[in-house]
Amino acid sequence: MSNNYDPQREAEAAMKRAAASEGDDRQKLIQLAVAWHLLARDPRDDRTD
């Protein structure tokens, strides 16, 4: 089964939707964008060695 999600693209799309919205919807979309951004991060960035 293939995964067609691009987390970086999803994060950018959620931020664009957040910028166009107001109130509670805006906050929810920002949280969604942050979650997608965290998924898109390179796990090698977290290494401290």
N, C-alpha and C. Protein backbone atom coordinates (compact mmCIF):
# COMPACT_ATOMS: atom_id res chain seq x y z
N MET A 1 0.85 -1.18 0.00
CA MET A 1 0.00 0.00 0.00
C MET A 1 0.89 1.23 0.00
N SER A 2 0.61 2.15 -0.87
CA SER A 2 1.46 3.34 -0.98
C SER A 2 0.85 4.50 -0.20
N ASN A 3 1.72 5.38 0.25
CA ASN A 3 1.31 6.56 1.00
C ASN A 3 1.52 7.78 0.11
N ASN A 4 0.44 8.44 -0.26
CA ASN A 4 0.52 9.58 -1.18
C ASN A 4 0.61 10.92 -0.48
N TYR A 5 0.76 10.94 0.83
CA TYR A 5 0.82 12.20 1.55
C TYR A 5 2.23 12.77 1.54
N ASP A 6 2.33 14.05 1.27
CA ASP A 6 3.58 14.80 1.38
C ASP A 6 3.40 15.73 2.58
N PRO A 7 3.99 15.39 3.73
CA PRO A 7 3.76 16.20 4.93
C PRO A 7 4.09 17.68 4.77
N GLN A 8 5.14 17.99 4.03
CA GLN A 8 5.50 19.40 3.85
C GLN A 8 4.42 20.12 3.04
N ARG A 9 3.94 19.49 2.00
CA ARG A 9 2.87 20.08 1.19
C ARG A 9 1.59 20.25 2.00
N GLU A 10 1.28 19.26 2.82
CA GLU A 10 0.09 19.33 3.67
C GLU A 10 0.21 20.46 4.69
N ALA A 11 1.41 20.63 5.26
CA ALA A 11 1.64 21.71 6.23
C ALA A 11 1.45 23.07 5.57
N GLU A 12 1.99 23.23 4.38
CA GLU A 12 1.85 24.50 3.67
C GLU A 12 0.39 24.78 3.32
N ALA A 13 -0.33 23.75 2.90
CA ALA A 13 -1.75 23.92 2.55
C ALA A 13 -2.56 24.30 3.79
N ALA A 14 -2.27 23.68 4.92
CA ALA A 14 -3.00 24.00 6.16
C ALA A 14 -2.72 25.43 6.60
N MET A 15 -1.49 25.90 6.44
CA MET A 15 -1.17 27.28 6.82
C MET A 15 -1.88 28.27 5.89
N LYS A 16 -1.99 27.94 4.62
CA LYS A 16 -2.72 28.82 3.69
C LYS A 16 -4.20 28.88 4.08
N ARG A 17 -4.76 27.73 4.43
CA ARG A 17 -6.17 27.72 4.86
C ARG A 17 -6.33 28.48 6.17
N ALA A 18 -5.36 28.37 7.07
CA ALA A 18 -5.42 29.10 8.35
C ALA A 18 -5.38 30.60 8.12
N ALA A 19 -4.53 31.03 7.19
CA ALA A 19 -4.41 32.47 6.91
C ALA A 19 -5.71 33.04 6.35
N ALA A 20 -6.50 32.20 5.69
CA ALA A 20 -7.75 32.66 5.10
C ALA A 20 -8.95 32.48 6.03
N SER A 21 -8.71 31.97 7.23
CA SER A 21 -9.84 31.72 8.14
C SER A 21 -9.73 32.60 9.38
N GLU A 22 -10.72 32.47 10.25
CA GLU A 22 -10.77 33.27 11.47
C GLU A 22 -11.19 32.42 12.65
N GLY A 23 -10.92 32.92 13.84
CA GLY A 23 -11.42 32.31 15.08
C GLY A 23 -10.91 30.91 15.34
N ASP A 24 -11.83 30.07 15.83
CA ASP A 24 -11.47 28.71 16.21
C ASP A 24 -10.95 27.90 15.03
N ASP A 25 -11.53 28.12 13.85
CA ASP A 25 -11.06 27.40 12.67
C ASP A 25 -9.59 27.71 12.40
N ARG A 26 -9.23 28.96 12.55
CA ARG A 26 -7.84 29.36 12.31
C ARG A 26 -6.90 28.65 13.27
N GLN A 27 -7.25 28.60 14.54
CA GLN A 27 -6.40 27.95 15.53
C GLN A 27 -6.27 26.45 15.24
N LYS A 28 -7.36 25.82 14.88
CA LYS A 28 -7.33 24.38 14.57
C LYS A 28 -6.44 24.11 13.35
N LEU A 29 -6.54 24.97 12.34
CA LEU A 29 -5.73 24.77 11.14
C LEU A 29 -4.25 25.03 11.42
N ILE A 30 -3.94 25.97 12.30
CA ILE A 30 -2.54 26.20 12.68
C ILE A 30 -2.00 24.97 13.41
N GLN A 31 -2.79 24.40 14.30
CA GLN A 31 -2.35 23.19 15.01
C GLN A 31 -2.15 22.04 14.03
N LEU A 32 -3.03 21.93 13.05
CA LEU A 32 -2.88 20.90 12.03
C LEU A 32 -1.60 21.11 11.22
N ALA A 33 -1.33 22.35 10.87
CA ALA A 33 -0.11 22.65 10.10
C ALA A 33 1.14 22.32 10.90
N VAL A 34 1.12 22.60 12.19
CA VAL A 34 2.27 22.28 13.04
C VAL A 34 2.47 20.76 13.09
N ALA A 35 1.38 20.02 13.20
CA ALA A 35 1.48 18.56 13.22
C ALA A 35 2.07 18.03 11.91
N TRP A 36 1.60 18.55 10.78
CA TRP A 36 2.16 18.13 9.49
C TRP A 36 3.63 18.50 9.40
N HIS A 37 3.97 19.69 9.90
CA HIS A 37 5.37 20.14 9.86
C HIS A 37 6.26 19.18 10.67
N LEU A 38 5.78 18.77 11.83
CA LEU A 38 6.56 17.83 12.65
C LEU A 38 6.75 16.50 11.93
N LEU A 39 5.73 16.06 11.20
CA LEU A 39 5.86 14.82 10.43
C LEU A 39 6.85 14.98 9.28
N ALA A 40 6.96 16.18 8.74
CA ALA A 40 7.83 16.43 7.60
C ALA A 40 9.30 16.59 7.99
N ARG A 41 9.53 16.86 9.26
CA ARG A 41 10.92 17.09 9.69
C ARG A 41 11.79 15.87 9.45
N ASP A 42 13.02 16.11 9.14
CA ASP A 42 13.99 15.04 8.94
C ASP A 42 14.41 14.53 10.32
N PRO A 43 14.23 13.25 10.60
CA PRO A 43 14.58 12.74 11.93
C PRO A 43 16.06 12.92 12.26
N ARG A 44 16.89 13.08 11.25
CA ARG A 44 18.32 13.29 11.50
C ARG A 44 18.57 14.66 12.14
N ASP A 45 17.60 15.59 12.01
CA ASP A 45 17.75 16.91 12.63
C ASP A 45 17.70 16.83 14.15
N ASP A 46 17.10 15.77 14.68
CA ASP A 46 16.94 15.60 16.12
C ASP A 46 18.15 14.98 16.79
N ARG A 47 19.09 14.48 16.02
CA ARG A 47 20.26 13.81 16.60
C ARG A 47 21.19 14.84 17.23
N THR A 48 21.76 14.47 18.37
CA THR A 48 22.65 15.39 19.09
C THR A 48 24.07 14.85 19.16
N ASP A 49 24.40 13.83 18.37
CA ASP A 49 25.74 13.25 18.44
C ASP A 49 26.72 13.97 17.61
